[in-house]
């Protein structure tokens, strides 16, 4: 668990750019935040925020992204395949323009 300034020093990146990167990583569930109170009153102003990696959440988030990518590829394949299927079914009687469309669709 590290403070943001410590992370920026280790990575040698500017403060503003580092904060943007850290917040993007938090949004994508790569990093998690933990509030550590400096005093017993629990006020947010008197707290330190530490970044840490929860491996289970990272794995779940990565798995979700990969499965979503696979789904998108399958949907795209089906839509592109459906577009050229009428041409494939009558490939022997195509005009020159339709043959070119068929070749373009196969790429």
Protein backbone atom coordinates (compact mmCIF):
# COMPACT_ATOMS: atom_id res chain seq x y z
CA UNK A 1 0.00 0.00 0.00
CA UNK A 2 1.52 3.26 -1.18
CA UNK A 3 0.75 6.97 -1.13
CA UNK A 4 0.42 8.68 -4.48
CA UNK A 5 3.53 10.83 -3.98
CA UNK A 6 5.60 7.72 -3.31
CA UNK A 7 4.23 6.12 -6.50
CA UNK A 8 5.05 9.26 -8.53
CA UNK A 9 8.61 9.32 -7.18
CA UNK A 10 9.20 5.66 -7.97
CA UNK A 11 7.72 5.96 -11.48
CA UNK A 12 9.32 9.37 -12.13
CA UNK A 13 6.17 10.95 -13.55
CA UNK A 14 4.67 14.41 -12.99
CA UNK A 15 1.96 14.88 -10.38
CA UNK A 16 -0.90 15.74 -12.77
CA UNK A 17 -0.16 12.93 -15.23
CA UNK A 18 0.30 10.47 -12.38
CA UNK A 19 -3.06 11.34 -10.84
CA UNK A 20 -4.81 10.85 -14.17
CA UNK A 21 -3.17 7.44 -14.58
CA UNK A 22 -3.98 6.36 -11.02
CA UNK A 23 -7.63 7.44 -11.35
CA UNK A 24 -7.95 5.55 -14.65
CA UNK A 25 -6.52 2.46 -12.94
CA UNK A 26 -9.02 2.86 -10.09
CA UNK A 27 -11.90 3.18 -12.61
CA UNK A 28 -10.77 -0.05 -14.29
CA UNK A 29 -10.46 -1.88 -10.94
CA UNK A 30 -6.70 -2.32 -11.23
CA UNK A 31 -6.06 -0.26 -8.10
CA UNK A 32 -8.10 0.17 -4.96
CA UNK A 33 -8.09 3.03 -2.46
CA UNK A 34 -7.92 2.74 1.30
CA UNK A 35 -8.52 5.63 3.67
CA UNK A 36 -6.22 5.75 6.69
CA UNK A 37 -7.18 8.30 9.34
CA UNK A 38 -4.42 10.44 10.83
CA UNK A 39 -6.56 11.27 13.84
CA UNK A 40 -9.34 9.57 15.75
CA UNK A 41 -12.09 11.90 14.47
CA UNK A 42 -12.18 10.10 11.08
CA UNK A 43 -12.43 13.32 9.05
CA UNK A 44 -11.61 12.94 5.38
CA UNK A 45 -9.43 16.07 5.50
CA UNK A 46 -7.26 14.42 8.17
CA UNK A 47 -6.81 11.19 6.21
CA UNK A 48 -4.20 9.65 3.98
CA UNK A 49 -5.30 7.68 0.92
CA UNK A 50 -3.27 4.61 0.02
CA UNK A 51 -3.38 2.78 -3.30
CA UNK A 52 -3.11 -0.99 -3.40
CA UNK A 53 -3.73 -3.89 -5.78
CA UNK A 54 -6.42 -6.45 -4.97
CA UNK A 55 -5.41 -9.35 -7.19
CA UNK A 56 -8.85 -10.99 -7.09
CA UNK A 57 -10.52 -7.83 -8.39
CA UNK A 58 -7.86 -7.36 -11.07
CA UNK A 59 -8.37 -10.92 -12.29
CA UNK A 60 -12.15 -10.56 -12.30
CA UNK A 61 -11.96 -7.23 -14.13
CA UNK A 62 -9.51 -8.60 -16.69
CA UNK A 63 -11.65 -11.67 -17.24
CA UNK A 64 -14.68 -9.44 -17.79
CA UNK A 65 -12.80 -7.33 -20.35
CA UNK A 66 -11.58 -10.41 -22.22
CA UNK A 67 -15.02 -12.03 -22.30
CA UNK A 68 -16.54 -8.77 -23.53
CA UNK A 69 -13.93 -8.58 -26.31
CA UNK A 70 -14.69 -12.17 -27.33
CA UNK A 71 -18.41 -11.39 -27.43
CA UNK A 72 -17.80 -8.31 -29.58
CA UNK A 73 -15.68 -10.35 -32.00
CA UNK A 74 -18.38 -13.02 -32.29
CA UNK A 75 -21.07 -10.41 -32.93
CA UNK A 76 -18.93 -8.72 -35.57
CA UNK A 77 -18.15 -12.05 -37.27
CA UNK A 78 -21.83 -12.96 -37.44
CA UNK A 79 -22.86 -9.58 -38.85
CA UNK A 80 -20.09 -9.61 -41.47
CA UNK A 81 -20.82 -13.23 -42.34
CA UNK A 82 -24.53 -12.48 -42.74
CA UNK A 83 -23.66 -9.62 -45.10
CA UNK A 84 -21.77 -11.84 -47.56
CA UNK A 85 -23.82 -15.03 -47.12
CA UNK A 86 -26.29 -14.19 -49.93
CA UNK A 87 -23.36 -13.75 -52.30
CA UNK A 88 -21.68 -16.98 -51.12
CA UNK A 89 -24.82 -19.02 -51.73
CA UNK A 90 -24.96 -18.07 -55.44
CA UNK A 91 -21.25 -17.62 -56.13
CA UNK A 92 -21.49 -19.33 -59.55
CA UNK A 93 -23.91 -16.74 -60.99
CA UNK A 94 -22.41 -13.46 -59.75
CA UNK A 95 -21.70 -10.37 -61.78
CA UNK A 96 -18.19 -8.91 -61.77
CA UNK A 97 -19.22 -6.24 -59.24
CA UNK A 98 -20.77 -8.84 -56.92
CA UNK A 99 -17.65 -11.04 -57.19
CA UNK A 100 -15.55 -8.07 -56.10
CA UNK A 101 -17.89 -7.46 -53.13
CA UNK A 102 -17.61 -11.10 -52.20
CA UNK A 103 -13.79 -10.99 -52.33
CA UNK A 104 -13.79 -7.80 -50.23
CA UNK A 105 -16.12 -9.40 -47.70
CA UNK A 106 -13.87 -12.43 -47.32
CA UNK A 107 -10.88 -10.30 -46.28
